[in-house]
Amino acid sequence: MILHKETNIEAIPFYESLVNLTEFKERAAERKREANKVNAFLLEKYSFIIQTVIEFEEDTKTLGDPNILAAKLGIYLKKILPLKDTALLLFDNEYLNLKPIDKLDNSKIVSTINGFYKEGVLNLVFDSDKEIVVPDLESYNSQGPKLNYLILPIKDDGKNEGVLAILTPLAKEKLGDLEKKSIRILLNSAMAKIGKAHLKEKIKDTYKELQTYQAKLSNDFRLAAIGELTNGILEEIRNPMQVIISQLDLLNVKPEYQKETKKIKRQINKISKAIDRLVKFSEVNHDEIKIQPCSINKIIKEYFSLVKSTLEGLNLEGVLDLENRIPSVLSHPNYIFQLLNNIFGLINTDLQSRGGVIIQTRYKNNEVILRIISTNELKKDTGNSQKLSEYQINVNIIANLMKRHEGNYKIESFENKGSAIVLTFPLKRRIR
């Protein structure tokens, strides 16, 4: 018995199969054309980004100013994606705030990113080491945020250095990998140049500080040498004066000359006291300077007694205005002497007209304030980048000494109206 199986398959006419094949080929060709368009677009996009990176390198290869580099970075980022604002921010030394490379930048984006930092939002950036997108809440409407913050972490050898923040109208899903990678390439290039600029600045500052200490060391050696010579010379002066006094006591001076004899003795005693002060002042080469509570008024009086005659020779009248019951400051007499020496080194003494100097102390808000006010202007800063002037050396020494005291200083010169130098010594000091 033979079984026949029936099927419901319809045979497609030959001409219809040809039509379907033609449509299939046309659709395949269309897909190929679309793919070619996409590939051409991507190729053009890659080419544009590579060209942008090359242009950025060429445009910034000779730049050494971090502010200009940060501005250039913003300009080239605009070529890659639409943005409203951008900021390059680095942590301060205490990691309390993010500060823009351009210190004058007070834009909204700076305060917003610092707000994110305090709220812990940026922890996601640094923990993941990837960019994040945070919506701008102020731009929200019924359709969502109009703007978003694209935040990229900046790290150096695993250490968090800062962030690049970009305010853009693009949503997260519209930021492609190509855009993100190109932004990272530009950022890395900019940070390398900014790091180099900062390093140059540190080297420059270190060199200036080295010059300061070289000058100070030379000055200390000179003072030490003068001190040694002075001690010998002063001994040669002191011994004859002792002989004179003893001889006066042995002489049978007539009563009518007793007054003159006492006057001679008083003058010799004045010279002896001046010699004692000069010997004490010349002993600046201490083996070890120990910080101790110091009466700043007492030290100023000692210093003033030494320089009073010198000031008068420079047509400067010296006046002391010291507040009573000034608390002691943690310092050393040698530090205060050095401060006063360098302060007086700033005052212009080449003027022919007579002037004056007031040394003033005050106590306010747990701080001892020392003011030196003069009718004379300060010397002109004639230094250049290659060599520190005497003015700069004096200022640098004052700055370093006040840093040791954890205090502040302010130097002001008023044209045709004199000058003022103010030193502030805090009584509350950090525990070291």
Protein backbone atom coordinates (compact mmCIF):
# COMPACT_ATOMS: atom_id res chain seq x y z
CA MET A 1 0.00 0.00 0.00
CA ILE A 2 1.33 3.35 -0.97
CA LEU A 3 0.63 6.43 1.22
CA HIS A 4 0.47 9.87 -0.34
CA LYS A 5 1.23 12.94 1.92
CA GLU A 6 -0.43 16.15 1.00
CA THR A 7 1.22 19.52 1.64
CA ASN A 8 -0.18 23.05 1.62
CA ILE A 9 3.01 24.67 0.31
CA GLU A 10 2.32 26.94 -2.60
CA ALA A 11 4.83 27.13 -5.33
CA ILE A 12 6.16 30.68 -5.89
CA PRO A 13 6.20 31.68 -9.49
CA PHE A 14 9.66 32.19 -10.92
CA TYR A 15 9.15 35.87 -11.79
CA GLU A 16 8.09 36.63 -8.17
CA SER A 17 11.23 35.03 -6.79
CA LEU A 18 13.27 37.28 -9.05
CA VAL A 19 11.45 40.35 -7.67
CA ASN A 20 12.12 39.29 -4.04
CA LEU A 21 15.78 38.68 -4.82
CA THR A 22 16.07 42.14 -6.34
CA GLU A 23 14.49 43.72 -3.22
CA PHE A 24 16.86 41.74 -0.99
CA LYS A 25 19.86 42.93 -2.96
CA GLU A 26 18.62 46.54 -2.81
CA ARG A 27 18.14 46.33 0.96
CA ALA A 28 21.61 44.81 1.36
CA ALA A 29 23.09 47.57 -0.78
CA GLU A 30 21.26 50.20 1.32
CA ARG A 31 22.62 48.69 4.54
CA LYS A 32 26.11 48.73 3.06
CA ARG A 33 25.75 52.37 2.05
CA GLU A 34 24.56 53.24 5.58
CA ALA A 35 27.48 51.33 7.09
CA ASN A 36 29.87 53.14 4.77
CA LYS A 37 28.34 56.47 5.85
CA VAL A 38 28.80 55.56 9.53
CA ASN A 39 32.37 54.43 8.93
CA ALA A 40 33.09 57.60 6.97
CA PHE A 41 31.58 59.70 9.77
CA LEU A 42 33.63 57.86 12.42
CA LEU A 43 36.76 58.19 10.31
CA GLU A 44 36.11 61.91 9.93
CA LYS A 45 35.44 62.20 13.66
CA TYR A 46 38.64 60.36 14.58
CA SER A 47 40.56 62.52 12.14
CA PHE A 48 39.09 65.70 13.62
CA ILE A 49 39.92 64.66 17.19
CA ILE A 50 43.47 63.67 16.26
CA GLN A 51 43.88 66.99 14.49
CA THR A 52 42.50 68.82 17.57
CA VAL A 53 44.97 67.05 19.87
CA ILE A 54 47.88 67.86 17.51
CA GLU A 55 46.81 71.52 17.34
CA PHE A 56 46.58 71.69 21.15
CA GLU A 57 50.10 70.27 21.47
CA GLU A 58 51.47 72.76 18.96
CA ASP A 59 49.58 75.67 20.51
CA THR A 60 50.76 74.95 24.06
CA LYS A 61 54.25 73.50 23.66
CA THR A 62 55.97 76.80 24.55
CA LEU A 63 53.51 77.92 27.24
CA GLY A 64 54.64 78.03 30.87
CA ASP A 65 51.77 79.87 32.53
CA PRO A 66 49.25 77.49 34.19
CA ASN A 67 46.47 80.08 33.80
CA ILE A 68 46.94 80.29 30.04
CA LEU A 69 47.20 76.49 29.76
CA ALA A 70 43.90 76.07 31.62
CA ALA A 71 42.26 78.64 29.34
CA LYS A 72 43.61 76.89 26.23
CA LEU A 73 42.27 73.57 27.50
CA GLY A 74 38.77 75.10 27.73
CA ILE A 75 39.02 76.43 24.18
CA TYR A 76 39.99 73.05 22.70
CA LEU A 77 37.39 71.18 24.75
CA LYS A 78 34.75 73.33 23.05
CA LYS A 79 35.86 71.86 19.73
CA ILE A 80 35.03 68.35 20.94
CA LEU A 81 31.72 68.84 22.72
CA PRO A 82 29.28 71.69 23.43
CA LEU A 83 29.90 73.26 26.82
CA LYS A 84 28.83 76.31 28.76
CA ASP A 85 31.72 76.50 31.23
CA THR A 86 34.76 74.55 32.35
CA ALA A 87 37.13 74.66 35.31
CA LEU A 88 40.38 72.91 36.18
CA LEU A 89 40.60 72.60 39.96
CA LEU A 90 43.37 71.27 42.21
CA PHE A 91 43.32 70.50 45.94
CA ASP A 92 44.95 72.91 48.40
CA ASN A 93 47.68 71.62 50.74
CA GLU A 94 45.20 70.66 53.46
CA TYR A 95 42.74 68.98 51.05
CA LEU A 96 40.01 71.28 52.37
CA ASN A 97 39.04 72.91 49.09
CA LEU A 98 39.45 72.62 45.35
CA LYS A 99 41.02 75.77 43.93
CA PRO A 100 40.96 76.74 40.26
CA ILE A 101 44.25 76.99 38.38
CA ASP A 102 43.19 80.54 37.60
CA LYS A 103 43.05 81.98 41.12
CA LEU A 104 40.83 84.84 39.94
CA ASP A 105 38.17 82.40 38.71
CA ASN A 106 35.07 83.02 40.85
CA SER A 107 32.60 81.31 38.52
CA LYS A 108 29.59 79.33 39.71
CA ILE A 109 31.17 76.05 38.64
CA VAL A 110 33.97 76.44 41.24
CA SER A 111 31.57 76.82 44.17
CA THR A 112 29.34 74.03 42.85
CA ILE A 113 32.20 71.52 42.56
CA ASN A 114 33.40 72.41 46.07
CA GLY A 115 29.84 71.80 47.24
CA PHE A 116 29.96 68.36 45.60
CA TYR A 117 33.26 67.69 47.36
CA LYS A 118 31.90 68.57 50.80
CA GLU A 119 28.80 66.42 50.16
CA GLY A 120 30.94 63.42 49.25
CA VAL A 121 29.82 63.28 45.61
CA LEU A 122 33.39 63.41 44.34
CA ASN A 123 34.28 60.28 46.31
CA LEU A 124 32.60 58.31 43.50
CA VAL A 125 34.90 59.98 41.00
CA PHE A 126 38.11 59.16 42.85
CA ASP A 127 37.08 55.68 44.02
CA SER A 128 36.08 54.55 40.54
CA ASP A 129 38.80 56.58 38.78
CA LYS A 130 36.21 57.29 36.09
CA GLU A 131 34.21 60.30 34.98
CA ILE A 132 30.71 60.87 36.32
CA VAL A 133 27.81 63.01 35.13
CA VAL A 134 25.88 65.01 37.73
CA PRO A 135 22.73 66.94 36.71
CA ASP A 136 22.67 70.67 37.33
CA LEU A 137 19.74 71.08 39.74
CA GLU A 138 19.30 74.77 38.93
CA SER A 139 18.60 73.99 35.28
CA TYR A 140 15.80 71.46 35.96
CA ASN A 141 12.47 71.84 34.18
CA SER A 142 9.55 69.53 33.33
CA GLN A 143 11.71 67.69 30.80
CA GLY A 144 14.67 67.20 33.16
CA PRO A 145 17.97 69.07 33.52
CA LYS A 146 19.09 71.32 30.70
CA LEU A 147 22.71 71.14 31.85
CA ASN A 148 24.96 68.48 33.36
CA TYR A 149 28.35 68.47 35.08
CA LEU A 150 30.86 66.11 33.52
CA ILE A 151 33.53 65.54 36.19
CA LEU A 152 36.84 63.78 35.49
CA PRO A 153 39.33 62.84 38.25
CA ILE A 154 42.94 64.00 38.14
CA LYS A 155 45.43 61.69 39.81
CA ASP A 156 49.20 61.54 40.02
CA ASP A 157 50.83 58.27 41.05
CA GLY A 158 47.58 57.19 42.73
CA LYS A 159 47.21 60.44 44.66
CA ASN A 160 44.10 62.57 44.19
CA GLU A 161 45.17 65.90 42.69
CA GLY A 162 41.92 67.53 41.55
CA VAL A 163 39.17 67.41 38.93
CA LEU A 164 38.24 68.74 35.52
CA ALA A 165 34.63 69.97 35.60
CA ILE A 166 32.66 70.64 32.40
CA LEU A 167 29.19 72.16 32.34
CA THR A 168 27.54 70.81 29.19
CA PRO A 169 24.03 70.49 27.71
CA LEU A 170 24.78 66.90 26.65
CA ALA A 171 23.05 64.15 28.60
CA LYS A 172 24.98 61.17 29.94
CA GLU A 173 23.76 58.80 27.21
CA LYS A 174 24.92 61.18 24.48
CA LEU A 175 28.51 61.29 25.70
CA GLY A 176 30.30 58.72 23.60
CA ASP A 177 33.49 56.86 24.45
CA LEU A 178 35.32 58.74 21.73
CA GLU A 179 34.50 62.11 23.29
CA LYS A 180 35.47 60.87 26.77
CA LYS A 181 38.78 59.49 25.56
CA SER A 182 39.64 62.66 23.63
CA ILE A 183 38.84 64.81 26.69
CA ARG A 184 41.13 62.61 28.77
CA ILE A 185 43.95 62.93 26.20
CA LEU A 186 43.71 66.74 26.24
CA LEU A 187 43.49 66.78 30.05
CA ASN A 188 46.56 64.57 30.49
CA SER A 189 48.54 66.72 28.07
CA ALA A 190 47.50 69.92 29.84
CA MET A 191 48.28 68.53 33.31
CA ALA A 192 51.74 67.41 32.20
CA LYS A 193 52.50 70.95 31.04
CA ILE A 194 50.94 72.52 34.15
CA GLY A 195 52.94 70.17 36.38
CA LYS A 196 56.10 71.19 34.55
CA ALA A 197 55.21 74.87 35.01
CA HIS A 198 54.59 74.36 38.75
CA LEU A 199 57.88 72.51 39.07
CA LYS A 200 59.71 75.39 37.38
CA GLU A 201 58.02 77.82 39.76
CA LYS A 202 59.07 75.72 42.78
CA ILE A 203 62.64 75.56 41.49
CA LYS A 204 62.60 79.33 40.99
CA ASP A 205 61.27 79.90 44.53
CA THR A 206 63.83 77.46 45.95
CA TYR A 207 66.60 79.27 44.08
CA LYS A 208 65.44 82.63 45.47
CA GLU A 209 65.26 81.17 48.96
CA LEU A 210 68.75 79.74 48.50
CA GLN A 211 69.98 83.19 47.50
CA THR A 212 68.32 84.62 50.60
CA TYR A 213 70.00 82.16 52.91
CA GLN A 214 73.33 82.58 51.13
CA ALA A 215 73.08 86.32 51.69
CA LYS A 216 71.99 85.79 55.29
CA LEU A 217 74.77 83.26 55.91
CA SER A 218 77.31 85.64 54.43
CA ASN A 219 75.91 88.40 56.62
CA ASP A 220 76.06 86.20 59.72
CA PHE A 221 79.66 85.23 59.00
CA ARG A 222 80.47 88.89 58.45
CA LEU A 223 78.80 89.83 61.73
CA ALA A 224 80.57 86.98 63.50
CA ALA A 225 83.90 88.15 62.11
CA ILE A 226 83.10 91.73 63.08
CA GLY A 227 82.08 90.46 66.51
CA GLU A 228 85.42 88.71 67.00
CA LEU A 229 87.33 91.79 65.84
CA THR A 230 85.07 94.04 67.92
CA ASN A 231 85.70 92.02 71.07
CA GLY A 232 89.44 92.49 70.67
CA ILE A 233 89.16 96.18 69.84
CA LEU A 234 86.72 96.82 72.66
CA GLU A 235 89.02 95.14 75.14
CA GLU A 236 91.77 97.49 73.98
CA ILE A 237 89.41 100.41 74.65
CA ARG A 238 88.05 99.07 77.93
CA ASN A 239 91.45 98.49 79.57
CA PRO A 240 92.75 102.06 79.10
CA MET A 241 89.44 103.41 80.41
CA GLN A 242 89.80 101.33 83.58
CA VAL A 243 93.28 102.75 83.99
CA ILE A 244 91.95 106.28 83.55
CA ILE A 245 89.28 105.75 86.22
CA SER A 246 91.78 104.26 88.68
CA GLN A 247 94.21 107.12 88.06
CA LEU A 248 91.46 109.67 88.63
CA ASP A 249 90.77 108.06 92.01
CA LEU A 250 94.46 108.29 92.94
CA LEU A 251 94.87 111.89 91.92
CA ASN A 252 94.54 114.57 94.55
CA VAL A 253 92.04 116.61 92.64
CA LYS A 254 91.32 120.06 93.97
CA PRO A 255 87.77 120.62 95.23
CA GLU A 256 86.98 123.09 92.47
CA TYR A 257 87.72 120.32 89.90
CA GLN A 258 85.68 117.57 91.57
CA LYS A 259 82.67 118.37 89.40
CA GLU A 260 84.69 117.89 86.19
CA THR A 261 86.19 114.65 87.55
CA LYS A 262 82.74 113.19 88.25
CA LYS A 263 81.63 114.25 84.78
CA ILE A 264 84.60 112.37 83.25
CA LYS A 265 83.71 109.27 85.26
CA ARG A 266 80.07 109.45 84.13
CA GLN A 267 81.12 109.69 80.51
CA ILE A 268 83.51 106.73 80.92
CA ASN A 269 80.72 104.68 82.51
CA LYS A 270 78.47 105.54 79.55
CA ILE A 271 81.17 104.30 77.19
CA SER A 272 81.52 101.09 79.22
CA LYS A 273 77.79 100.42 79.09
CA ALA A 274 77.74 101.09 75.35
CA ILE A 275 80.65 98.63 74.95
CA ASP A 276 78.74 95.99 76.96
CA ARG A 277 75.66 96.42 74.74
CA LEU A 278 77.77 96.31 71.59
CA VAL A 279 79.51 93.11 72.73
CA LYS A 280 76.15 91.54 73.51
CA PHE A 281 74.74 92.58 70.13
CA SER A 282 77.77 91.26 68.22
CA GLU A 283 77.34 87.78 69.73
CA VAL A 284 74.97 86.56 67.01
CA ASN A 285 76.63 83.24 66.26
CA HIS A 286 74.84 80.94 68.73
CA ASP A 287 75.60 77.22 68.74
CA GLU A 288 71.97 76.50 69.47
CA ILE A 289 69.09 78.97 69.55
CA LYS A 290 66.56 77.95 72.16
CA ILE A 291 63.06 79.38 71.91
CA GLN A 292 62.02 81.08 75.13
CA PRO A 293 59.50 83.61 76.44
CA CYS A 294 60.83 87.04 75.48
CA SER A 295 59.85 90.52 76.58
CA ILE A 296 59.61 92.25 73.23
CA ASN A 297 59.60 95.71 74.89
CA LYS A 298 62.86 94.95 76.68
CA ILE A 299 64.55 93.75 73.49
CA ILE A 300 63.32 96.82 71.58
CA LYS A 301 64.73 99.14 74.25
CA GLU A 302 68.12 97.41 74.07
CA TYR A 303 68.12 97.64 70.29
CA PHE A 304 67.00 101.28 70.33
CA SER A 305 69.81 102.25 72.70
CA LEU A 306 72.28 100.85 70.16
CA VAL A 307 70.88 102.46 67.02
CA LYS A 308 69.64 105.77 68.42
CA SER A 309 72.85 107.64 67.60
CA THR A 310 72.97 105.98 64.16
CA LEU A 311 69.41 107.12 63.45
CA GLU A 312 70.28 110.66 64.45
CA GLY A 313 73.25 110.55 62.08
CA LEU A 314 70.79 109.61 59.31
CA ASN A 315 68.53 112.59 60.14
CA LEU A 316 65.94 110.27 61.72
CA GLU A 317 64.47 111.03 65.12
CA GLY A 318 63.66 107.80 66.97
CA VAL A 319 60.62 107.57 69.25
CA LEU A 320 59.45 104.61 71.38
CA ASP A 321 55.72 104.09 71.94
CA LEU A 322 55.60 100.83 73.89
CA GLU A 323 52.42 99.66 75.58
CA ASN A 324 52.92 98.51 79.17
CA ARG A 325 52.21 94.93 80.26
CA ILE A 326 52.81 93.41 76.84
CA PRO A 327 52.82 89.59 77.27
CA SER A 328 55.97 87.67 76.45
CA VAL A 329 56.25 86.02 73.04
CA LEU A 330 57.92 82.71 72.24
CA SER A 331 61.05 83.74 70.39
CA HIS A 332 64.73 84.50 70.92
CA PRO A 333 66.34 87.93 71.31
CA ASN A 334 68.49 87.20 68.26
CA TYR A 335 65.35 86.71 66.11
CA ILE A 336 63.89 90.04 67.24
CA PHE A 337 67.23 91.79 66.60
CA GLN A 338 67.35 90.29 63.09
CA LEU A 339 63.77 91.40 62.41
CA LEU A 340 64.50 94.95 63.51
CA ASN A 341 67.76 95.04 61.54
CA ASN A 342 66.05 93.95 58.33
CA ILE A 343 63.11 96.30 58.89
CA PHE A 344 65.42 99.30 59.28
CA GLY A 345 67.26 98.02 56.20
CA LEU A 346 64.06 98.64 54.21
CA ILE A 347 63.74 102.31 55.15
CA ASN A 348 65.20 104.81 52.70
CA THR A 349 67.86 106.78 54.58
CA ASP A 350 69.29 108.63 51.57
CA LEU A 351 66.93 111.57 52.00
CA GLN A 352 68.43 114.91 52.99
CA SER A 353 65.37 116.19 54.87
CA ARG A 354 64.90 115.29 58.51
CA GLY A 355 62.42 112.54 59.34
CA GLY A 356 61.34 110.27 62.15
CA VAL A 357 60.78 106.64 63.15
CA ILE A 358 58.28 105.39 65.71
CA ILE A 359 58.60 101.90 67.19
CA GLN A 360 55.26 100.91 68.65
CA THR A 361 53.97 97.81 70.45
CA ARG A 362 50.37 96.87 71.20
CA TYR A 363 48.50 93.85 72.58
CA LYS A 364 45.17 92.93 70.98
CA ASN A 365 43.14 89.75 70.43
CA ASN A 366 45.84 87.41 71.80
CA GLU A 367 48.43 88.96 69.48
CA VAL A 368 51.44 91.17 70.12
CA ILE A 369 51.68 93.80 67.39
CA LEU A 370 54.94 95.53 66.52
CA ARG A 371 54.75 98.59 64.24
CA ILE A 372 57.63 100.57 62.79
CA ILE A 373 56.28 103.78 61.28
CA SER A 374 58.54 106.18 59.40
CA THR A 375 58.11 109.49 57.64
CA ASN A 376 60.54 108.14 55.03
CA GLU A 377 59.46 105.93 52.18
CA LEU A 378 60.89 102.44 51.70
CA LYS A 379 63.79 101.71 49.39
CA LYS A 380 62.95 100.89 45.79
CA ASP A 381 63.00 97.23 44.78
CA THR A 382 65.66 97.23 42.07
CA GLY A 383 66.11 93.47 41.90
CA ASN A 384 65.65 91.31 38.82
CA SER A 385 64.89 87.66 38.18
CA GLN A 386 68.59 86.76 38.12
CA LYS A 387 69.75 88.44 41.31
CA LEU A 388 67.99 89.36 44.52
CA SER A 389 68.24 93.00 45.57
CA GLU A 390 69.06 94.03 49.13
CA TYR A 391 65.39 95.01 49.48
CA GLN A 392 64.23 91.51 48.48
CA ILE A 393 66.75 89.87 50.82
CA ASN A 394 65.46 91.94 53.75
CA VAL A 395 61.84 91.11 52.92
CA ASN A 396 62.58 87.39 52.52
CA ILE A 397 64.38 87.23 55.86
CA ILE A 398 61.46 89.02 57.55
CA ALA A 399 59.03 86.58 55.90
CA ASN A 400 61.03 83.52 57.01
CA LEU A 401 61.44 84.76 60.58
CA MET A 402 57.73 85.59 60.90
CA LYS A 403 56.91 82.13 59.54
CA ARG A 404 58.93 80.67 62.40
CA HIS A 405 56.83 82.71 64.81
CA GLU A 406 53.64 81.58 62.97
CA GLY A 407 52.92 85.28 62.60
CA ASN A 408 52.19 87.70 59.78
CA TYR A 409 53.84 90.79 58.38
CA LYS A 410 52.65 93.72 56.28
CA ILE A 411 54.88 96.19 54.47
CA GLU A 412 53.44 99.42 53.06
CA SER A 413 55.06 102.43 51.46
CA PHE A 414 53.05 105.57 50.75
CA GLU A 415 54.42 107.91 48.12
CA ASN A 416 55.52 111.18 49.75
CA LYS A 417 53.78 110.09 52.96
CA GLY A 418 56.15 107.61 54.59
CA SER A 419 55.96 103.89 55.31
CA ALA A 420 54.76 101.33 57.83
CA ILE A 421 55.88 97.80 58.67
CA VAL A 422 53.59 95.76 60.93
CA LEU A 423 54.55 92.43 62.54
CA THR A 424 51.96 90.29 64.32
CA PHE A 425 53.06 87.64 66.86
CA PRO A 426 50.28 85.22 67.93
CA LEU A 427 50.36 84.05 71.52
CA LYS A 428 48.56 80.81 70.64
CA ARG A 429 50.92 78.56 68.70
CA ARG A 430 50.47 75.11 67.20
CA ILE A 431 51.89 72.20 69.20
CA ARG A 432 54.94 70.87 67.36
